[in-house]
Amino acid sequence: MLVVIALFSVFPIYWMFVTGLRPTGREFLQTPVPLPASLHNLRYVLDTLPARFLRA
């Protein structure tokens, strides 16, 4: 039971990270590993966030 709860809690975090690594236009693919991986989306988010958010 504890394993099911742990997977239920960790899966959304994994999904966000994997979706962030997917190239633009391939966000909705159902593959578990993003190939080819790209840091472009993550870099875009960090560049557009206010700097005060990152200092928290």
PDB file of N, CA and C in Angstrom:
ATOM      1  N   MET A   1       0.817  -1.199   0.000  1.00  0.00           N
ATOM      2  CA  MET A   1       0.000   0.000   0.000  1.00  0.00           C
ATOM      3  C   MET A   1       0.858   1.259   0.000  1.00  0.00           C
ATOM      4  N   LEU A   2       1.941   1.233   0.774  1.00  0.00           N
ATOM      5  CA  LEU A   2       2.833   2.380   0.849  1.00  0.00           C
ATOM      6  C   LEU A   2       3.521   2.645  -0.500  1.00  0.00           C
ATOM      7  N   VAL A   3       3.837   1.577  -1.219  1.00  0.00           N
ATOM      8  CA  VAL A   3       4.468   1.724  -2.541  1.00  0.00           C
ATOM      9  C   VAL A   3       3.505   2.399  -3.515  1.00  0.00           C
ATOM     10  N   VAL A   4       2.252   2.038  -3.475  1.00  0.00           N
ATOM     11  CA  VAL A   4       1.256   2.647  -4.361  1.00  0.00           C
ATOM     12  C   VAL A   4       1.113   4.135  -4.057  1.00  0.00           C
ATOM     13  N   ILE A   5       1.074   4.487  -2.790  1.00  0.00           N
ATOM     14  CA  ILE A   5       0.974   5.898  -2.407  1.00  0.00           C
ATOM     15  C   ILE A   5       2.220   6.661  -2.842  1.00  0.00           C
ATOM     16  N   ALA A   6       3.393   6.048  -2.681  1.00  0.00           N
ATOM     17  CA  ALA A   6       4.640   6.696  -3.092  1.00  0.00           C
ATOM     18  C   ALA A   6       4.660   6.935  -4.600  1.00  0.00           C
ATOM     19  N   LEU A   7       4.266   5.939  -5.382  1.00  0.00           N
ATOM     20  CA  LEU A   7       4.226   6.106  -6.838  1.00  0.00           C
ATOM     21  C   LEU A   7       3.205   7.170  -7.243  1.00  0.00           C
ATOM     22  N   PHE A   8       2.081   7.177  -6.577  1.00  0.00           N
ATOM     23  CA  PHE A   8       1.052   8.169  -6.853  1.00  0.00           C
ATOM     24  C   PHE A   8       1.557   9.580  -6.566  1.00  0.00           C
ATOM     25  N   SER A   9       2.429   9.719  -5.591  1.00  0.00           N
ATOM     26  CA  SER A   9       2.968  11.028  -5.225  1.00  0.00           C
ATOM     27  C   SER A   9       4.135  11.454  -6.110  1.00  0.00           C
ATOM     28  N   VAL A  10       4.953  10.525  -6.526  1.00  0.00           N
ATOM     29  CA  VAL A  10       6.167  10.845  -7.291  1.00  0.00           C
ATOM     30  C   VAL A  10       5.893  10.972  -8.788  1.00  0.00           C
ATOM     31  N   PHE A  11       4.898  10.277  -9.301  1.00  0.00           N
ATOM     32  CA  PHE A  11       4.641  10.272 -10.737  1.00  0.00           C
ATOM     33  C   PHE A  11       4.413  11.665 -11.326  1.00  0.00           C
ATOM     34  N   PRO A  12       3.624  12.557 -10.702  1.00  0.00           N
ATOM     35  CA  PRO A  12       3.453  13.896 -11.298  1.00  0.00           C
ATOM     36  C   PRO A  12       4.762  14.691 -11.395  1.00  0.00           C
ATOM     37  N   ILE A  13       5.643  14.526 -10.421  1.00  0.00           N
ATOM     38  CA  ILE A  13       6.933  15.222 -10.468  1.00  0.00           C
ATOM     39  C   ILE A  13       7.768  14.667 -11.612  1.00  0.00           C
ATOM     40  N   TYR A  14       7.802  13.352 -11.746  1.00  0.00           N
ATOM     41  CA  TYR A  14       8.511  12.724 -12.860  1.00  0.00           C
ATOM     42  C   TYR A  14       7.945  13.198 -14.196  1.00  0.00           C
ATOM     43  N   TRP A  15       6.623  13.230 -14.319  1.00  0.00           N
ATOM     44  CA  TRP A  15       5.972  13.628 -15.578  1.00  0.00           C
ATOM     45  C   TRP A  15       6.316  15.075 -15.947  1.00  0.00           C
ATOM     46  N   MET A  16       6.330  15.980 -14.959  1.00  0.00           N
ATOM     47  CA  MET A  16       6.694  17.381 -15.241  1.00  0.00           C
ATOM     48  C   MET A  16       8.135  17.481 -15.727  1.00  0.00           C
ATOM     49  N   PHE A  17       9.039  16.750 -15.078  1.00  0.00           N
ATOM     50  CA  PHE A  17      10.440  16.801 -15.477  1.00  0.00           C
ATOM     51  C   PHE A  17      10.636  16.240 -16.884  1.00  0.00           C
ATOM     52  N   VAL A  18      10.016  15.101 -17.171  1.00  0.00           N
ATOM     53  CA  VAL A  18      10.149  14.484 -18.500  1.00  0.00           C
ATOM     54  C   VAL A  18       9.526  15.369 -19.567  1.00  0.00           C
ATOM     55  N   THR A  19       8.376  15.969 -19.281  1.00  0.00           N
ATOM     56  CA  THR A  19       7.737  16.859 -20.250  1.00  0.00           C
ATOM     57  C   THR A  19       8.590  18.093 -20.498  1.00  0.00           C
ATOM     58  N   GLY A  20       9.262  18.597 -19.479  1.00  0.00           N
ATOM     59  CA  GLY A  20      10.151  19.741 -19.648  1.00  0.00           C
ATOM     60  C   GLY A  20      11.364  19.428 -20.509  1.00  0.00           C
ATOM     61  N   LEU A  21      11.775  18.176 -20.551  1.00  0.00           N
ATOM     62  CA  LEU A  21      12.924  17.786 -21.367  1.00  0.00           C
ATOM     63  C   LEU A  21      12.571  17.491 -22.820  1.00  0.00           C
ATOM     64  N   ARG A  22      11.302  17.385 -23.116  1.00  0.00           N
ATOM     65  CA  ARG A  22      10.887  17.085 -24.494  1.00  0.00           C
ATOM     66  C   ARG A  22      11.040  18.333 -25.381  1.00  0.00           C
ATOM     67  N   PRO A  23      11.437  18.136 -26.625  1.00  0.00           N
ATOM     68  CA  PRO A  23      11.515  19.274 -27.546  1.00  0.00           C
ATOM     69  C   PRO A  23      10.133  19.870 -27.807  1.00  0.00           C
ATOM     70  N   THR A  24      10.099  21.126 -28.178  1.00  0.00           N
ATOM     71  CA  THR A  24       8.840  21.803 -28.473  1.00  0.00           C
ATOM     72  C   THR A  24       8.107  21.078 -29.590  1.00  0.00           C
ATOM     73  N   GLY A  25       6.816  20.863 -29.374  1.00  0.00           N
ATOM     74  CA  GLY A  25       6.000  20.171 -30.350  1.00  0.00           C
ATOM     75  C   GLY A  25       5.860  18.687 -30.079  1.00  0.00           C
ATOM     76  N   ARG A  26       6.620  18.155 -29.138  1.00  0.00           N
ATOM     77  CA  ARG A  26       6.549  16.720 -28.820  1.00  0.00           C
ATOM     78  C   ARG A  26       6.143  16.496 -27.366  1.00  0.00           C
ATOM     79  N   GLU A  27       5.453  17.461 -26.765  1.00  0.00           N
ATOM     80  CA  GLU A  27       5.116  17.402 -25.344  1.00  0.00           C
ATOM     81  C   GLU A  27       4.128  16.288 -25.016  1.00  0.00           C
ATOM     82  N   PHE A  28       3.293  15.915 -25.949  1.00  0.00           N
ATOM     83  CA  PHE A  28       2.218  14.971 -25.654  1.00  0.00           C
ATOM     84  C   PHE A  28       2.519  13.544 -26.083  1.00  0.00           C
ATOM     85  N   LEU A  29       3.768  13.248 -26.398  1.00  0.00           N
ATOM     86  CA  LEU A  29       4.134  11.866 -26.699  1.00  0.00           C
ATOM     87  C   LEU A  29       4.057  11.040 -25.419  1.00  0.00           C
ATOM     88  N   GLN A  30       3.719   9.791 -25.524  1.00  0.00           N
ATOM     89  CA  GLN A  30       3.528   8.938 -24.358  1.00  0.00           C
ATOM     90  C   GLN A  30       4.737   8.062 -24.041  1.00  0.00           C
ATOM     91  N   THR A  31       5.902   8.395 -24.530  1.00  0.00           N
ATOM     92  CA  THR A  31       7.091   7.605 -24.240  1.00  0.00           C
ATOM     93  C   THR A  31       7.615   7.956 -22.854  1.00  0.00           C
ATOM     94  N   PRO A  32       8.119   6.981 -22.096  1.00  0.00           N
ATOM     95  CA  PRO A  32       8.579   7.258 -20.732  1.00  0.00           C
ATOM     96  C   PRO A  32       9.896   8.019 -20.655  1.00  0.00           C
ATOM     97  N   VAL A  33      10.705   7.964 -21.720  1.00  0.00           N
ATOM     98  CA  VAL A  33      11.995   8.657 -21.735  1.00  0.00           C
ATOM     99  C   VAL A  33      12.002   9.624 -22.912  1.00  0.00           C
ATOM    100  N   PRO A  34      12.305  10.906 -22.670  1.00  0.00           N
ATOM    101  CA  PRO A  34      12.300  11.880 -23.766  1.00  0.00           C
ATOM    102  C   PRO A  34      13.565  11.796 -24.620  1.00  0.00           C
ATOM    103  N   LEU A  35      13.436  11.210 -25.790  1.00  0.00           N
ATOM    104  CA  LEU A  35      14.574  11.151 -26.710  1.00  0.00           C
ATOM    105  C   LEU A  35      14.179  11.835 -28.000  1.00  0.00           C
ATOM    106  N   PRO A  36      14.876  12.783 -28.491  1.00  0.00           N
ATOM    107  CA  PRO A  36      16.046  13.438 -27.907  1.00  0.00           C
ATOM    108  C   PRO A  36      15.637  14.414 -26.803  1.00  0.00           C
ATOM    109  N   ALA A  37      16.432  14.494 -25.777  1.00  0.00           N
ATOM    110  CA  ALA A  37      16.155  15.403 -24.659  1.00  0.00           C
ATOM    111  C   ALA A  37      16.675  16.801 -24.988  1.00  0.00           C
ATOM    112  N   SER A  38      15.989  17.813 -24.491  1.00  0.00           N
ATOM    113  CA  SER A  38      16.370  19.199 -24.747  1.00  0.00           C
ATOM    114  C   SER A  38      16.154  20.024 -23.486  1.00  0.00           C
ATOM    115  N   LEU A  39      17.073  20.886 -23.158  1.00  0.00           N
ATOM    116  CA  LEU A  39      16.938  21.763 -22.006  1.00  0.00           C
ATOM    117  C   LEU A  39      16.348  23.118 -22.375  1.00  0.00           C
ATOM    118  N   HIS A  40      15.916  23.275 -23.615  1.00  0.00           N
ATOM    119  CA  HIS A  40      15.395  24.557 -24.090  1.00  0.00           C
ATOM    120  C   HIS A  40      14.191  25.021 -23.264  1.00  0.00           C
ATOM    121  N   ASN A  41      13.246  24.138 -22.998  1.00  0.00           N
ATOM    122  CA  ASN A  41      12.041  24.525 -22.254  1.00  0.00           C
ATOM    123  C   ASN A  41      12.379  24.934 -20.820  1.00  0.00           C
ATOM    124  N   LEU A  42      13.258  24.196 -20.170  1.00  0.00           N
ATOM    125  CA  LEU A  42      13.638  24.540 -18.802  1.00  0.00           C
ATOM    126  C   LEU A  42      14.396  25.875 -18.763  1.00  0.00           C
ATOM    127  N   ARG A  43      15.251  26.086 -19.732  1.00  0.00           N
ATOM    128  CA  ARG A  43      15.988  27.348 -19.808  1.00  0.00           C
ATOM    129  C   ARG A  43      15.033  28.517 -20.033  1.00  0.00           C
ATOM    130  N   TYR A  44      14.013  28.321 -20.853  1.00  0.00           N
ATOM    131  CA  TYR A  44      13.018  29.366 -21.107  1.00  0.00           C
ATOM    132  C   TYR A  44      12.284  29.743 -19.824  1.00  0.00           C
ATOM    133  N   VAL A  45      11.880  28.753 -19.044  1.00  0.00           N
ATOM    134  CA  VAL A  45      11.170  29.031 -17.797  1.00  0.00           C
ATOM    135  C   VAL A  45      12.070  29.795 -16.833  1.00  0.00           C
ATOM    136  N   LEU A  46      13.303  29.377 -16.680  1.00  0.00           N
ATOM    137  CA  LEU A  46      14.205  30.061 -15.748  1.00  0.00           C
ATOM    138  C   LEU A  46      14.555  31.466 -16.213  1.00  0.00           C
ATOM    139  N   ASP A  47      14.609  31.685 -17.517  1.00  0.00           N
ATOM    140  CA  ASP A  47      14.906  33.026 -18.041  1.00  0.00           C
ATOM    141  C   ASP A  47      13.721  33.975 -17.897  1.00  0.00           C
ATOM    142  N   THR A  48      12.501  33.462 -17.896  1.00  0.00           N
ATOM    143  CA  THR A  48      11.337  34.337 -17.842  1.00  0.00           C
ATOM    144  C   THR A  48      10.806  34.545 -16.434  1.00  0.00           C
ATOM    145  N   LEU A  49      11.238  33.764 -15.460  1.00  0.00           N
ATOM    146  CA  LEU A  49      10.806  33.973 -14.082  1.00  0.00           C
ATOM    147  C   LEU A  49      11.487  35.195 -13.487  1.00  0.00           C
ATOM    148  N   PRO A  50      10.820  35.915 -12.619  1.00  0.00           N
ATOM    149  CA  PRO A  50      11.479  37.027 -11.930  1.00  0.00           C
ATOM    150  C   PRO A  50      12.607  36.499 -11.051  1.00  0.00           C
ATOM    151  N   ALA A  51      13.669  37.251 -10.923  1.00  0.00           N
ATOM    152  CA  ALA A  51      14.833  36.832 -10.157  1.00  0.00           C
ATOM    153  C   ALA A  51      14.486  36.660  -8.680  1.00  0.00           C
ATOM    154  N   ARG A  52      13.547  37.424  -8.156  1.00  0.00           N
ATOM    155  CA  ARG A  52      13.205  37.318  -6.734  1.00  0.00           C
ATOM    156  C   ARG A  52      12.594  35.962  -6.399  1.00  0.00           C
ATOM    157  N   PHE A  53      11.974  35.312  -7.383  1.00  0.00           N
ATOM    158  CA  PHE A  53      11.406  33.982  -7.167  1.00  0.00           C
ATOM    159  C   PHE A  53      12.513  32.957  -6.888  1.00  0.00           C
ATOM    160  N   LEU A  54      13.636  33.095  -7.561  1.00  0.00           N
ATOM    161  CA  LEU A  54      14.720  32.132  -7.418  1.00  0.00           C
ATOM    162  C   LEU A  54      15.514  32.353  -6.138  1.00  0.00           C
ATOM    163  N   ARG A  55      15.392  33.490  -5.500  1.00  0.00           N
ATOM    164  CA  ARG A  55      16.136  33.769  -4.267  1.00  0.00           C
ATOM    165  C   ARG A  55      15.409  33.285  -3.016  1.00  0.00           C
ATOM    166  N   ALA A  56      14.227  32.757  -3.145  1.00  0.00           N
ATOM    167  CA  ALA A  56      13.428  32.346  -1.970  1.00  0.00           C
ATOM    168  C   ALA A  56      14.057  31.247  -1.169  1.00  0.00           C
TER     169      ALA A  56
END
